């Protein structure tokens, strides 16, 4: 298996969660913020 996308979720007690998506583009990884 070779990952193409990886999503990270970081919860916060004050509901200021962060969601980040790392997507494979060629040999590089591109980060995209999904929330906020």
PDB file of N, CA and C in Angstrom:
ATOM      1  N   UNK A   1       0.829  -1.165   0.000  1.00  0.00           N
ATOM      2  CA  UNK A   1       0.000   0.000   0.000  1.00  0.00           C
ATOM      3  C   UNK A   1       0.883   1.241   0.000  1.00  0.00           C
ATOM      4  N   UNK A   2       0.491   2.203  -0.786  1.00  0.00           N
ATOM      5  CA  UNK A   2       1.185   3.489  -0.832  1.00  0.00           C
ATOM      6  C   UNK A   2       0.147   4.567  -0.566  1.00  0.00           C
ATOM      7  N   UNK A   3       0.302   5.331   0.525  1.00  0.00           N
ATOM      8  CA  UNK A   3      -0.699   6.357   0.830  1.00  0.00           C
ATOM      9  C   UNK A   3      -0.669   7.485  -0.196  1.00  0.00           C
ATOM     10  N   UNK A   4      -1.842   7.944  -0.541  1.00  0.00           N
ATOM     11  CA  UNK A   4      -1.987   9.076  -1.454  1.00  0.00           C
ATOM     12  C   UNK A   4      -2.423  10.315  -0.692  1.00  0.00           C
ATOM     13  N   UNK A   5      -3.297  10.117   0.312  1.00  0.00           N
ATOM     14  CA  UNK A   5      -3.783  11.204   1.161  1.00  0.00           C
ATOM     15  C   UNK A   5      -3.699  10.760   2.609  1.00  0.00           C
ATOM     16  N   UNK A   6      -3.365  11.714   3.488  1.00  0.00           N
ATOM     17  CA  UNK A   6      -3.359  11.455   4.925  1.00  0.00           C
ATOM     18  C   UNK A   6      -4.001  12.661   5.593  1.00  0.00           C
ATOM     19  N   UNK A   7      -4.998  12.412   6.448  1.00  0.00           N
ATOM     20  CA  UNK A   7      -5.672  13.506   7.145  1.00  0.00           C
ATOM     21  C   UNK A   7      -5.376  13.416   8.634  1.00  0.00           C
ATOM     22  N   UNK A   8      -5.062  14.573   9.230  1.00  0.00           N
ATOM     23  CA  UNK A   8      -4.807  14.669  10.659  1.00  0.00           C
ATOM     24  C   UNK A   8      -5.869  15.555  11.291  1.00  0.00           C
ATOM     25  N   UNK A   9      -6.332  15.137  12.459  1.00  0.00           N
ATOM     26  CA  UNK A   9      -7.309  15.902  13.230  1.00  0.00           C
ATOM     27  C   UNK A   9      -6.707  16.157  14.601  1.00  0.00           C
ATOM     28  N   UNK A  10      -6.686  17.423  15.003  1.00  0.00           N
ATOM     29  CA  UNK A  10      -6.200  17.779  16.335  1.00  0.00           C
ATOM     30  C   UNK A  10      -7.342  18.465  17.063  1.00  0.00           C
ATOM     31  N   UNK A  11      -7.886  17.783  18.073  1.00  0.00           N
ATOM     32  CA  UNK A  11      -8.989  18.331  18.836  1.00  0.00           C
ATOM     33  C   UNK A  11      -8.513  19.350  19.854  1.00  0.00           C
ATOM     34  N   UNK A  12      -9.420  20.203  20.272  1.00  0.00           N
ATOM     35  CA  UNK A  12      -9.113  21.250  21.235  1.00  0.00           C
ATOM     36  C   UNK A  12     -10.273  21.333  22.218  1.00  0.00           C
ATOM     37  N   UNK A  13      -9.966  21.508  23.479  1.00  0.00           N
ATOM     38  CA  UNK A  13     -11.002  21.571  24.513  1.00  0.00           C
ATOM     39  C   UNK A  13     -11.973  22.723  24.278  1.00  0.00           C
ATOM     40  N   UNK A  14     -11.505  23.776  23.632  1.00  0.00           N
ATOM     41  CA  UNK A  14     -12.368  24.940  23.359  1.00  0.00           C
ATOM     42  C   UNK A  14     -12.963  24.888  21.952  1.00  0.00           C
ATOM     43  N   UNK A  15     -12.965  23.696  21.365  1.00  0.00           N
ATOM     44  CA  UNK A  15     -13.584  23.431  20.064  1.00  0.00           C
ATOM     45  C   UNK A  15     -12.942  24.205  18.920  1.00  0.00           C
ATOM     46  N   UNK A  16     -11.660  24.514  19.048  1.00  0.00           N
ATOM     47  CA  UNK A  16     -10.917  25.146  17.955  1.00  0.00           C
ATOM     48  C   UNK A  16     -10.085  24.062  17.278  1.00  0.00           C
ATOM     49  N   UNK A  17     -10.762  23.063  16.763  1.00  0.00           N
ATOM     50  CA  UNK A  17     -10.105  21.910  16.157  1.00  0.00           C
ATOM     51  C   UNK A  17      -9.348  22.320  14.895  1.00  0.00           C
ATOM     52  N   UNK A  18      -8.375  21.513  14.544  1.00  0.00           N
ATOM     53  CA  UNK A  18      -7.651  21.702  13.291  1.00  0.00           C
ATOM     54  C   UNK A  18      -7.700  20.409  12.494  1.00  0.00           C
ATOM     55  N   UNK A  19      -7.953  20.537  11.205  1.00  0.00           N
ATOM     56  CA  UNK A  19      -7.902  19.393  10.290  1.00  0.00           C
ATOM     57  C   UNK A  19      -6.948  19.740   9.165  1.00  0.00           C
ATOM     58  N   UNK A  20      -5.970  18.873   8.953  1.00  0.00           N
ATOM     59  CA  UNK A  20      -4.987  19.070   7.894  1.00  0.00           C
ATOM     60  C   UNK A  20      -4.995  17.861   6.972  1.00  0.00           C
ATOM     61  N   UNK A  21      -4.898  18.111   5.687  1.00  0.00           N
ATOM     62  CA  UNK A  21      -4.832  17.052   4.690  1.00  0.00           C
ATOM     63  C   UNK A  21      -3.492  17.150   3.982  1.00  0.00           C
ATOM     64  N   UNK A  22      -2.768  16.048   3.963  1.00  0.00           N
ATOM     65  CA  UNK A  22      -1.519  15.953   3.207  1.00  0.00           C
ATOM     66  C   UNK A  22      -1.794  15.071   2.002  1.00  0.00           C
ATOM     67  N   UNK A  23      -1.501  15.597   0.823  1.00  0.00           N
ATOM     68  CA  UNK A  23      -1.797  14.897  -0.430  1.00  0.00           C
ATOM     69  C   UNK A  23      -0.506  14.715  -1.211  1.00  0.00           C
ATOM     70  N   UNK A  24      -0.323  13.516  -1.724  1.00  0.00           N
ATOM     71  CA  UNK A  24       0.878  13.191  -2.499  1.00  0.00           C
ATOM     72  C   UNK A  24       0.719  13.743  -3.911  1.00  0.00           C
ATOM     73  N   UNK A  25       1.685  14.564  -4.337  1.00  0.00           N
ATOM     74  CA  UNK A  25       1.704  15.123  -5.688  1.00  0.00           C
ATOM     75  C   UNK A  25       3.090  14.834  -6.255  1.00  0.00           C
ATOM     76  N   UNK A  26       3.176  13.836  -7.098  1.00  0.00           N
ATOM     77  CA  UNK A  26       4.484  13.407  -7.606  1.00  0.00           C
ATOM     78  C   UNK A  26       5.303  12.838  -6.464  1.00  0.00           C
ATOM     79  N   UNK A  27       6.471  13.408  -6.217  1.00  0.00           N
ATOM     80  CA  UNK A  27       7.316  12.970  -5.109  1.00  0.00           C
ATOM     81  C   UNK A  27       7.162  13.857  -3.879  1.00  0.00           C
ATOM     82  N   UNK A  28       6.320  14.877  -3.961  1.00  0.00           N
ATOM     83  CA  UNK A  28       6.143  15.840  -2.869  1.00  0.00           C
ATOM     84  C   UNK A  28       4.828  15.617  -2.141  1.00  0.00           C
ATOM     85  N   UNK A  29       4.738  16.198  -0.952  1.00  0.00           N
ATOM     86  CA  UNK A  29       3.507  16.226  -0.178  1.00  0.00           C
ATOM     87  C   UNK A  29       3.032  17.670  -0.113  1.00  0.00           C
ATOM     88  N   UNK A  30       1.742  17.873  -0.377  1.00  0.00           N
ATOM     89  CA  UNK A  30       1.136  19.199  -0.327  1.00  0.00           C
ATOM     90  C   UNK A  30       0.174  19.224   0.849  1.00  0.00           C
ATOM     91  N   UNK A  31       0.287  20.252   1.697  1.00  0.00           N
ATOM     92  CA  UNK A  31      -0.586  20.369   2.868  1.00  0.00           C
ATOM     93  C   UNK A  31      -1.741  21.312   2.558  1.00  0.00           C
ATOM     94  N   UNK A  32      -2.924  20.901   2.968  1.00  0.00           N
ATOM     95  CA  UNK A  32      -4.128  21.712   2.791  1.00  0.00           C
ATOM     96  C   UNK A  32      -4.852  21.760   4.123  1.00  0.00           C
ATOM     97  N   UNK A  33      -5.222  22.952   4.553  1.00  0.00           N
ATOM     98  CA  UNK A  33      -5.975  23.094   5.795  1.00  0.00           C
ATOM     99  C   UNK A  33      -7.457  22.925   5.480  1.00  0.00           C
ATOM    100  N   UNK A  34      -8.093  21.959   6.125  1.00  0.00           N
ATOM    101  CA  UNK A  34      -9.513  21.707   5.900  1.00  0.00           C
ATOM    102  C   UNK A  34     -10.383  22.500   6.871  1.00  0.00           C
ATOM    103  N   UNK A  35      -9.864  22.739   8.062  1.00  0.00           N
ATOM    104  CA  UNK A  35     -10.601  23.509   9.054  1.00  0.00           C
ATOM    105  C   UNK A  35      -9.615  24.069  10.037  1.00  0.00           C
ATOM    106  N   UNK A  36      -9.640  25.244  10.456  1.00  0.00           N
ATOM    107  CA  UNK A  36     -10.655  26.268  10.304  1.00  0.00           C
ATOM    108  C   UNK A  36     -10.537  26.989   9.011  1.00  0.00           C
TER     109      UNK A  36
END
